[in-house]
Amino acid sequence: MSVIIILLIASITVAALFLIAFLWSVKSGQFEDDFSPSSRILFDDKPTTPTKTK
């Protein structure tokens, strides 16, 4: 029975750490840019000028 209590405390501690990390990342602006990641793949490369080959 004591093992269950130890595992319960450990799992709640890990869950709390993940919640704190998530809230910290939201507060610091990690999820602010919604448009750029989806369109970045479309406009990643700059057009190149054709070169003349002889």
C-alpha atoms as a PDB file:
ATOM      1  CA  MET A   1       0.000   0.000   0.000  1.00  0.00           C
ATOM      2  CA  SER A   2       2.864   2.395   0.674  1.00  0.00           C
ATOM      3  CA  VAL A   3       4.177   1.855  -2.866  1.00  0.00           C
ATOM      4  CA  ILE A   4       0.903   3.149  -4.282  1.00  0.00           C
ATOM      5  CA  ILE A   5       1.169   6.308  -2.189  1.00  0.00           C
ATOM      6  CA  ILE A   6       4.775   6.869  -3.302  1.00  0.00           C
ATOM      7  CA  LEU A   7       3.845   6.377  -6.967  1.00  0.00           C
ATOM      8  CA  LEU A   8       0.842   8.668  -6.594  1.00  0.00           C
ATOM      9  CA  ILE A   9       2.971  11.427  -5.086  1.00  0.00           C
ATOM     10  CA  ALA A  10       5.624  10.965  -7.795  1.00  0.00           C
ATOM     11  CA  SER A  11       3.067  11.104 -10.626  1.00  0.00           C
ATOM     12  CA  ILE A  12       1.382  14.208  -9.213  1.00  0.00           C
ATOM     13  CA  THR A  13       4.795  15.867  -8.868  1.00  0.00           C
ATOM     14  CA  VAL A  14       5.713  15.080 -12.491  1.00  0.00           C
ATOM     15  CA  ALA A  15       2.318  16.302 -13.705  1.00  0.00           C
ATOM     16  CA  ALA A  16       2.734  19.530 -11.737  1.00  0.00           C
ATOM     17  CA  LEU A  17       6.185  20.069 -13.252  1.00  0.00           C
ATOM     18  CA  PHE A  18       4.800  19.630 -16.759  1.00  0.00           C
ATOM     19  CA  LEU A  19       1.950  22.020 -15.984  1.00  0.00           C
ATOM     20  CA  ILE A  20       4.380  24.632 -14.677  1.00  0.00           C
ATOM     21  CA  ALA A  21       6.583  24.236 -17.767  1.00  0.00           C
ATOM     22  CA  PHE A  22       3.557  24.608 -20.058  1.00  0.00           C
ATOM     23  CA  LEU A  23       2.284  27.695 -18.262  1.00  0.00           C
ATOM     24  CA  TRP A  24       5.762  29.225 -18.328  1.00  0.00           C
ATOM     25  CA  SER A  25       6.057  28.641 -22.095  1.00  0.00           C
ATOM     26  CA  VAL A  26       2.643  30.192 -22.738  1.00  0.00           C
ATOM     27  CA  LYS A  27       3.515  33.185 -20.573  1.00  0.00           C
ATOM     28  CA  SER A  28       6.845  33.711 -22.351  1.00  0.00           C
ATOM     29  CA  GLY A  29       5.178  33.763 -25.788  1.00  0.00           C
ATOM     30  CA  GLN A  30       6.174  30.417 -27.260  1.00  0.00           C
ATOM     31  CA  PHE A  31       2.759  29.941 -28.891  1.00  0.00           C
ATOM     32  CA  GLU A  32       2.129  33.473 -30.174  1.00  0.00           C
ATOM     33  CA  ASP A  33       2.927  32.967 -33.873  1.00  0.00           C
ATOM     34  CA  ASP A  34       0.077  30.993 -35.456  1.00  0.00           C
ATOM     35  CA  PHE A  35       0.468  32.036 -39.096  1.00  0.00           C
ATOM     36  CA  SER A  36       4.179  31.818 -39.793  1.00  0.00           C
ATOM     37  CA  PRO A  37       4.865  28.092 -39.260  1.00  0.00           C
ATOM     38  CA  SER A  38       2.161  27.045 -41.698  1.00  0.00           C
ATOM     39  CA  SER A  39       3.258  29.435 -44.441  1.00  0.00           C
ATOM     40  CA  ARG A  40       7.000  29.208 -43.877  1.00  0.00           C
ATOM     41  CA  ILE A  41       7.205  25.996 -45.884  1.00  0.00           C
ATOM     42  CA  LEU A  42       5.650  27.741 -48.892  1.00  0.00           C
ATOM     43  CA  PHE A  43       8.008  30.727 -48.996  1.00  0.00           C
ATOM     44  CA  ASP A  44      11.245  29.277 -47.670  1.00  0.00           C
ATOM     45  CA  ASP A  45      13.435  29.415 -50.775  1.00  0.00           C
ATOM     46  CA  LYS A  46      14.309  32.609 -52.580  1.00  0.00           C
ATOM     47  CA  PRO A  47      13.993  32.504 -56.364  1.00  0.00           C
ATOM     48  CA  THR A  48      17.270  32.050 -58.174  1.00  0.00           C
ATOM     49  CA  THR A  49      18.269  33.752 -61.385  1.00  0.00           C
ATOM     50  CA  PRO A  50      18.996  31.420 -64.272  1.00  0.00           C
ATOM     51  CA  THR A  51      22.656  31.245 -65.303  1.00  0.00           C
ATOM     52  CA  LYS A  52      23.879  30.928 -68.829  1.00  0.00           C
ATOM     53  CA  THR A  53      25.788  27.779 -69.667  1.00  0.00           C
ATOM     54  CA  LYS A  54      28.108  27.624 -72.661  1.00  0.00           C
END
